[in-house]
Amino acid sequence: MRTWIGVGLMFAVASAPAAGQELVVSAAASLTSAFREIGSAFEAEHRGVKVVFNFASSDILLAQIAKGAPADVFASADQDAMNRAEADHLLQPATRRDFASNRLVLIVPAKAAPVAVTELAALSQARFRRIAVGSPQTVPAGRYAKDALERAHLWAAVAPKLVYAQNVRQALDYVAHEEVDAGFVYATDAASLPAAVKVAFDAPTATPISYPIAVVKDSRNRAIAAAFADYVAAASGQRILARFGFRVP
């Protein structure tokens, strides 16, 4: 199993224009590809603004913000992390909104033997020795997966096989490189590597998977942060999100 280094405050550092503004967006790892394109489109329409992304699991981002790490916008992969941010008074009031939805899926390596896997119960079989999942303690996708397994009365049988990832993109990478036999990721993550992974089935979740976004209370660029959140929720941002497989909230 390869070691991942540098998880934590992972900023794509870039210098802002001398007379411009730097907007720091802390966003869930599953938003990486879509938000990078949204950031470029937003910069094109807002001269002098440089969007700097910090991608990680939602709970890690929340912990960073709570400790005073610079952030103007927070975009979470579940409501739980955003609820805690709101309860801790870390958000600018009246800026929270849902902007996308997703699905939890079980994926297997694309080169895996073509054996039908259609339900969670199959994971208790001996052929599934290692299963990647985001840590339920810090990764929303991991919490969704654990809940699905518990409701199917499979957690005790499957838990010893789990390989915990620090975010959903790491779980995707484990499957893509055939380091595990299967993994839980979002449908949008699976769609980003169609040649390396294939979706076995949709994993049932007790609640819909929705993504909220909000302006961080301590943002030094509240106006442009609000404009970015507006852009994500507006038609231009929604078209980009749709291209990456996200659905309307």
Protein backbone atom coordinates (compact mmCIF):
# COMPACT_ATOMS: atom_id res chain seq x y z
CA MET A 1 0.00 0.00 0.00
CA ARG A 2 1.55 3.35 -1.00
CA THR A 3 1.90 6.08 1.61
CA TRP A 4 0.14 9.37 1.13
CA ILE A 5 2.06 12.39 2.33
CA GLY A 6 1.07 15.96 2.99
CA VAL A 7 -2.59 15.47 3.86
CA GLY A 8 -3.78 18.38 5.94
CA LEU A 9 -3.61 21.93 4.77
CA MET A 10 -3.12 21.29 1.05
CA PHE A 11 -3.15 24.62 -0.71
CA ALA A 12 -2.57 25.02 -4.41
CA VAL A 13 -0.42 28.06 -3.71
CA ALA A 14 -0.29 30.73 -6.36
CA SER A 15 0.57 34.39 -6.29
CA ALA A 16 -2.33 36.77 -6.64
CA PRO A 17 -2.03 39.78 -8.90
CA ALA A 18 -0.41 42.70 -7.10
CA ALA A 19 -3.57 44.76 -7.15
CA GLY A 20 -5.96 41.83 -7.06
CA GLN A 21 -7.64 39.56 -4.56
CA GLU A 22 -6.87 36.02 -3.52
CA LEU A 23 -9.92 33.92 -2.73
CA VAL A 24 -9.30 30.79 -0.65
CA VAL A 25 -11.89 28.06 -1.21
CA SER A 26 -11.82 25.06 1.13
CA ALA A 27 -13.74 22.34 -0.68
CA ALA A 28 -14.43 18.63 -0.26
CA ALA A 29 -12.01 16.38 -2.16
CA SER A 30 -14.80 15.00 -4.37
CA LEU A 31 -15.24 18.50 -5.83
CA THR A 32 -11.64 18.75 -7.03
CA SER A 33 -12.09 18.43 -10.79
CA ALA A 34 -15.33 20.38 -11.05
CA PHE A 35 -14.23 23.21 -8.77
CA ARG A 36 -10.93 23.67 -10.57
CA GLU A 37 -12.86 24.31 -13.77
CA ILE A 38 -15.34 26.55 -11.95
CA GLY A 39 -12.42 28.47 -10.45
CA SER A 40 -10.92 29.12 -13.88
CA ALA A 41 -14.28 30.25 -15.25
CA PHE A 42 -14.84 32.52 -12.24
CA GLU A 43 -11.40 34.11 -12.63
CA ALA A 44 -12.12 34.78 -16.30
CA GLU A 45 -15.21 36.76 -15.31
CA HIS A 46 -13.61 38.51 -12.31
CA ARG A 47 -10.37 40.16 -13.36
CA GLY A 48 -7.76 40.46 -10.66
CA VAL A 49 -9.20 37.58 -8.60
CA LYS A 50 -7.11 34.47 -8.03
CA VAL A 51 -8.97 31.43 -6.69
CA VAL A 52 -6.77 29.24 -4.45
CA PHE A 53 -8.21 25.83 -3.57
CA ASN A 54 -7.70 23.71 -0.48
CA PHE A 55 -9.09 20.24 -1.15
CA ALA A 56 -9.42 17.68 1.65
CA SER A 57 -12.08 15.72 3.52
CA SER A 58 -14.89 17.94 4.81
CA ASP A 59 -14.09 17.31 8.48
CA ILE A 60 -10.41 18.13 8.02
CA LEU A 61 -11.35 21.38 6.33
CA LEU A 62 -13.75 22.20 9.16
CA ALA A 63 -11.01 21.58 11.73
CA GLN A 64 -8.64 23.84 9.81
CA ILE A 65 -11.20 26.66 9.66
CA ALA A 66 -11.97 26.28 13.35
CA LYS A 67 -8.27 26.67 14.13
CA GLY A 68 -8.03 29.88 12.13
CA ALA A 69 -6.65 28.63 8.82
CA PRO A 70 -7.33 31.14 6.03
CA ALA A 71 -10.54 30.38 4.16
CA ASP A 72 -13.16 32.51 2.45
CA VAL A 73 -15.55 29.79 1.24
CA PHE A 74 -16.35 26.36 2.66
CA ALA A 75 -17.96 23.68 0.47
CA SER A 76 -18.76 20.40 2.24
CA ALA A 77 -19.69 16.95 0.92
CA ASP A 78 -22.39 16.52 3.55
CA GLN A 79 -24.72 18.48 5.78
CA ASP A 80 -23.15 17.20 9.01
CA ALA A 81 -19.86 19.07 8.58
CA MET A 82 -21.66 22.25 7.58
CA ASN A 83 -24.09 21.90 10.50
CA ARG A 84 -21.12 21.81 12.86
CA ALA A 85 -19.55 24.81 11.17
CA GLU A 86 -22.81 26.69 11.64
CA ALA A 87 -23.19 25.58 15.26
CA ASP A 88 -19.64 26.79 15.99
CA HIS A 89 -20.43 30.19 14.41
CA LEU A 90 -17.81 29.78 11.70
CA LEU A 91 -20.09 30.88 8.83
CA GLN A 92 -21.29 34.23 7.63
CA PRO A 93 -25.05 34.22 8.43
CA ALA A 94 -27.52 33.68 5.60
CA THR A 95 -24.86 32.53 3.09
CA ARG A 96 -25.38 28.77 3.37
CA ARG A 97 -27.09 26.97 0.50
CA ASP A 98 -27.12 23.56 -1.18
CA PHE A 99 -25.61 23.49 -4.66
CA ALA A 100 -25.25 19.84 -5.75
CA SER A 101 -26.13 16.23 -5.00
CA ASN A 102 -24.36 12.93 -5.56
CA ARG A 103 -24.65 9.14 -5.17
CA LEU A 104 -22.58 6.65 -3.21
CA VAL A 105 -21.38 3.73 -5.31
CA LEU A 106 -19.30 0.62 -4.87
CA ILE A 107 -16.51 0.39 -7.42
CA VAL A 108 -14.10 -2.37 -8.41
CA PRO A 109 -10.97 -2.26 -10.59
CA ALA A 110 -11.84 -2.11 -14.28
CA LYS A 111 -9.67 -5.17 -14.91
CA ALA A 112 -11.40 -7.22 -12.24
CA ALA A 113 -12.92 -10.53 -13.27
CA PRO A 114 -16.44 -9.95 -14.66
CA VAL A 115 -18.32 -11.41 -11.73
CA ALA A 116 -21.65 -9.76 -11.01
CA VAL A 117 -21.72 -7.81 -7.76
CA THR A 118 -25.12 -6.29 -7.19
CA GLU A 119 -25.57 -5.84 -3.46
CA LEU A 120 -23.73 -5.05 -0.26
CA ALA A 121 -24.03 -8.63 1.02
CA ALA A 122 -21.41 -9.70 -1.55
CA LEU A 123 -18.75 -7.82 0.43
CA SER A 124 -18.85 -10.46 3.15
CA GLN A 125 -17.58 -13.03 0.64
CA ALA A 126 -13.96 -14.23 0.81
CA ARG A 127 -13.08 -12.83 -2.61
CA PHE A 128 -13.34 -9.33 -1.16
CA ARG A 129 -10.28 -9.14 1.08
CA ARG A 130 -9.66 -5.39 1.12
CA ILE A 131 -12.27 -2.66 0.67
CA ALA A 132 -11.36 1.03 0.53
CA VAL A 133 -13.52 3.56 2.33
CA GLY A 134 -13.03 7.05 3.68
CA SER A 135 -12.55 7.14 7.43
CA PRO A 136 -16.04 7.57 8.92
CA GLN A 137 -14.53 9.85 11.56
CA THR A 138 -13.51 12.52 9.06
CA VAL A 139 -14.86 11.67 5.59
CA PRO A 140 -18.55 12.08 4.68
CA ALA A 141 -18.39 9.27 2.10
CA GLY A 142 -17.08 7.02 4.84
CA ARG A 143 -19.98 7.95 7.11
CA TYR A 144 -22.45 7.19 4.32
CA ALA A 145 -20.78 3.83 3.67
CA LYS A 146 -20.70 2.86 7.34
CA ASP A 147 -24.36 3.76 7.73
CA ALA A 148 -25.27 1.66 4.66
CA LEU A 149 -23.36 -1.33 5.99
CA GLU A 150 -24.83 -1.00 9.47
CA ARG A 151 -28.38 -0.79 8.13
CA ALA A 152 -27.69 -3.95 6.07
CA HIS A 153 -26.36 -5.65 9.24
CA LEU A 154 -22.99 -6.16 7.54
CA TRP A 155 -20.70 -3.85 9.48
CA ALA A 156 -19.30 -6.54 11.80
CA ALA A 157 -18.51 -8.84 8.88
CA VAL A 158 -17.01 -6.19 6.62
CA ALA A 159 -15.20 -3.92 9.10
CA PRO A 160 -12.05 -6.13 9.36
CA LYS A 161 -11.60 -5.83 5.58
CA LEU A 162 -11.76 -2.06 5.42
CA VAL A 163 -8.79 0.03 4.32
CA TYR A 164 -9.39 3.57 5.53
CA ALA A 165 -8.61 6.48 3.25
CA GLN A 166 -8.05 10.08 4.25
CA ASN A 167 -10.49 11.33 1.63
CA VAL A 168 -12.70 9.91 -1.09
CA ARG A 169 -10.16 10.56 -3.85
CA GLN A 170 -7.63 8.42 -2.02
CA ALA A 171 -10.18 5.59 -1.83
CA LEU A 172 -10.69 5.99 -5.58
CA ASP A 173 -6.95 5.81 -6.16
CA TYR A 174 -6.61 2.61 -4.15
CA VAL A 175 -9.18 0.91 -6.38
CA ALA A 176 -7.78 2.38 -9.59
CA HIS A 177 -4.32 1.00 -8.76
CA GLU A 178 -5.78 -2.39 -7.77
CA GLU A 179 -4.48 -2.06 -4.22
CA VAL A 180 -7.90 -3.14 -2.94
CA ASP A 181 -10.68 -5.33 -4.29
CA ALA A 182 -13.44 -2.71 -4.06
CA GLY A 183 -14.18 0.70 -2.63
CA PHE A 184 -16.89 3.18 -1.71
CA VAL A 185 -16.76 6.50 -3.56
CA TYR A 186 -19.18 8.99 -5.07
CA ALA A 187 -20.52 8.42 -8.56
CA THR A 188 -18.71 11.55 -9.74
CA ASP A 189 -15.37 10.16 -8.54
CA ALA A 190 -15.96 6.88 -10.37
CA ALA A 191 -16.81 8.80 -13.54
CA SER A 192 -13.46 10.61 -13.41
CA LEU A 193 -11.52 7.35 -14.04
CA PRO A 194 -13.71 5.24 -16.36
CA ALA A 195 -10.74 3.30 -17.72
CA ALA A 196 -9.49 2.32 -14.26
CA VAL A 197 -12.63 1.59 -12.24
CA LYS A 198 -16.14 0.39 -12.87
CA VAL A 199 -19.29 0.85 -10.83
CA ALA A 200 -20.71 -2.36 -9.41
CA PHE A 201 -23.87 -0.81 -7.95
CA ASP A 202 -25.32 2.17 -6.16
CA ALA A 203 -24.99 1.86 -2.39
CA PRO A 204 -28.19 2.86 -0.58
CA THR A 205 -27.96 5.87 1.72
CA ALA A 206 -30.48 6.76 4.40
CA THR A 207 -30.40 10.43 3.43
CA PRO A 208 -29.73 12.09 0.08
CA ILE A 209 -26.12 13.15 -0.48
CA SER A 210 -26.16 16.92 -0.82
CA TYR A 211 -23.39 19.51 -0.89
CA PRO A 212 -23.73 22.85 0.94
CA ILE A 213 -21.57 25.94 0.45
CA ALA A 214 -21.17 29.04 2.63
CA VAL A 215 -18.99 32.09 3.18
CA VAL A 216 -16.64 31.73 6.15
CA LYS A 217 -17.29 34.28 8.90
CA ASP A 218 -13.66 35.39 9.15
CA SER A 219 -13.26 35.85 5.39
CA ARG A 220 -11.36 38.98 4.47
CA ASN A 221 -13.02 38.96 1.05
CA ARG A 222 -16.68 38.51 1.88
CA ALA A 223 -18.04 40.22 -1.22
CA ILE A 224 -16.02 38.15 -3.68
CA ALA A 225 -16.56 35.02 -1.56
CA ALA A 226 -20.32 35.55 -1.82
CA ALA A 227 -19.93 36.10 -5.56
CA PHE A 228 -18.11 32.76 -5.87
CA ALA A 229 -20.83 30.93 -3.93
CA ASP A 230 -23.42 32.60 -6.16
CA TYR A 231 -21.49 31.52 -9.25
CA VAL A 232 -21.39 27.88 -8.10
CA ALA A 233 -25.16 27.87 -7.55
CA ALA A 234 -25.99 29.80 -10.73
CA ALA A 235 -26.43 28.41 -14.24
CA SER A 236 -22.75 28.70 -15.24
CA GLY A 237 -21.52 26.77 -12.22
CA GLN A 238 -24.32 24.23 -12.47
CA ARG A 239 -23.45 23.45 -16.09
CA ILE A 240 -19.87 22.69 -15.08
CA LEU A 241 -20.98 20.55 -12.14
CA ALA A 242 -23.36 18.63 -14.42
CA ARG A 243 -20.52 17.84 -16.83
CA PHE A 244 -18.70 16.15 -13.97
CA GLY A 245 -21.76 14.12 -13.01
CA PHE A 246 -23.15 16.17 -10.14
CA ARG A 247 -26.89 16.54 -9.94
CA VAL A 248 -29.02 19.46 -8.84
CA PRO A 249 -29.54 19.65 -5.06
